[in-house]
Structures are given as structure tokens and as C-alpha cells.
Amino acid sequence: MLMASTVPAYPICPLEATLEKHTEMFDKILQAIHDSKTAMKAQLGEIQVETRQLQADYSKFVNKMYDAESSLMSIRPTMATMQDHLKIQ
């Protein structure tokens, strides 16, 4: 009868050892993929925040341009009147 102490601590066949090594490598690859995916999600979140900020800044810029255009258009009749007045003199 065999006792537990006679069972070798190493794999019984080379195939088992190879399978174990490949399993470990596969686990490392999966972990690397998971870490990369997590990092990309974080970067995407940052990009989305920056994009929203750029959109808000662009919207403010466009509104300021409309305000400037409106101001210039309101001055235009006055300028025309002044120009006509100068022609008369």
C-alpha cells in the first residue's frame, strides 16, 4: 500500500507541467487585458470630460460672437447716420 508521503511533489507527466505553465501565462494575459481595459475606460472618461468642456467653451465663444455681431449691427444705423451727416456738411 502506498502512503501519502511517497507521492511526488512534482507533476506526474511533462504535459501536466506544460499545461500548468500555459494556464499561468493565460491568467497573466487575461489580467493584462483587464488592466488595459480598465486604464482605457479611465482615459475615455477623461476624454469625455474634456470634450464636454470644449463643447461648453465653444458654445460660449459662439454666443459671444453673436453678441458682438448684434452689438455691431445695432451701431450700424448710427454710423450710417453720422456718415450721411458728414457728407451734408
Protein backbone atom coordinates (compact mmCIF):
# COMPACT_ATOMS: atom_id res chain seq x y z
CA MET A 1 0.00 0.00 0.00
CA LEU A 2 1.31 3.44 -0.95
CA MET A 3 1.48 6.13 1.63
CA ALA A 4 0.81 9.81 1.01
CA SER A 5 4.42 10.68 1.69
CA THR A 6 5.54 8.62 -1.30
CA VAL A 7 3.56 10.72 -3.77
CA PRO A 8 5.97 13.01 -5.65
CA ALA A 9 5.52 16.79 -5.25
CA TYR A 10 6.18 17.43 -8.93
CA PRO A 11 3.76 16.79 -11.83
CA ILE A 12 3.43 13.20 -12.90
CA CYS A 13 3.92 13.93 -16.58
CA PRO A 14 5.54 16.74 -18.59
CA LEU A 15 2.20 17.51 -20.27
CA GLU A 16 0.70 18.44 -16.92
CA ALA A 17 3.60 20.81 -16.21
CA THR A 18 3.26 22.39 -19.64
CA LEU A 19 -0.48 22.80 -19.16
CA GLU A 20 0.11 24.45 -15.80
CA LYS A 21 2.63 26.90 -17.30
CA HIS A 22 0.25 27.74 -20.14
CA THR A 23 -2.59 28.24 -17.67
CA GLU A 24 -0.43 30.65 -15.66
CA MET A 25 0.53 32.56 -18.82
CA PHE A 26 -3.12 32.66 -19.90
CA ASP A 27 -4.10 34.06 -16.49
CA LYS A 28 -1.38 36.73 -16.78
CA ILE A 29 -2.59 37.66 -20.27
CA LEU A 30 -6.18 37.92 -19.03
CA GLN A 31 -5.06 40.13 -16.16
CA ALA A 32 -3.09 42.36 -18.54
CA ILE A 33 -6.14 42.67 -20.80
CA HIS A 34 -8.31 43.53 -17.82
CA ASP A 35 -5.80 46.15 -16.60
CA SER A 36 -5.57 47.67 -20.08
CA LYS A 37 -9.34 47.76 -20.38
CA THR A 38 -9.64 49.48 -17.01
CA ALA A 39 -6.99 52.05 -17.98
CA MET A 40 -8.71 52.72 -21.33
CA LYS A 41 -12.06 53.23 -19.58
CA ALA A 42 -10.43 55.79 -17.29
CA GLN A 43 -8.84 57.57 -20.25
CA LEU A 44 -12.15 57.53 -22.11
CA GLY A 45 -13.82 59.11 -19.10
CA GLU A 46 -11.20 61.87 -19.06
CA ILE A 47 -11.60 62.43 -22.79
CA GLN A 48 -15.37 62.67 -22.41
CA VAL A 49 -14.99 65.27 -19.65
CA GLU A 50 -12.55 67.27 -21.79
CA THR A 51 -14.86 67.01 -24.80
CA ARG A 52 -17.81 68.32 -22.80
CA GLN A 53 -15.64 71.19 -21.53
CA LEU A 54 -14.52 72.02 -25.08
CA GLN A 55 -18.13 71.95 -26.27
CA ALA A 56 -19.14 74.30 -23.46
CA ASP A 57 -16.23 76.64 -24.23
CA TYR A 58 -17.08 76.60 -27.93
CA SER A 59 -20.72 77.35 -27.16
CA LYS A 60 -19.69 80.33 -25.01
CA PHE A 61 -17.40 81.55 -27.81
CA VAL A 62 -20.17 81.31 -30.40
CA ASN A 63 -22.57 83.16 -28.10
CA LYS A 64 -20.00 85.93 -27.63
CA MET A 65 -19.60 86.18 -31.40
CA TYR A 66 -23.37 86.51 -31.80
CA ASP A 67 -23.40 89.18 -29.10
CA ALA A 68 -20.58 91.06 -30.83
CA GLU A 69 -22.36 90.82 -34.17
CA SER A 70 -25.58 92.05 -32.59
CA SER A 71 -23.76 94.98 -30.98
CA LEU A 72 -22.13 95.93 -34.26
CA MET A 73 -25.42 95.67 -36.11
CA SER A 74 -27.07 97.98 -33.58
CA ILE A 75 -24.30 100.56 -34.08
CA ARG A 76 -24.51 100.37 -37.86
CA PRO A 77 -27.54 102.69 -38.29
CA THR A 78 -25.85 105.27 -36.08
CA MET A 79 -22.70 105.04 -38.16
CA ALA A 80 -24.69 105.45 -41.36
CA THR A 81 -26.44 108.50 -39.92
CA MET A 82 -23.12 110.01 -38.90
CA GLN A 83 -21.68 109.29 -42.35
CA ASP A 84 -24.67 110.96 -44.01
CA HIS A 85 -24.33 113.92 -41.67
CA LEU A 86 -20.67 114.33 -42.60
CA LYS A 87 -21.49 114.22 -46.31
CA ILE A 88 -24.00 117.02 -45.91
CA GLN A 89 -21.51 119.36 -44.26
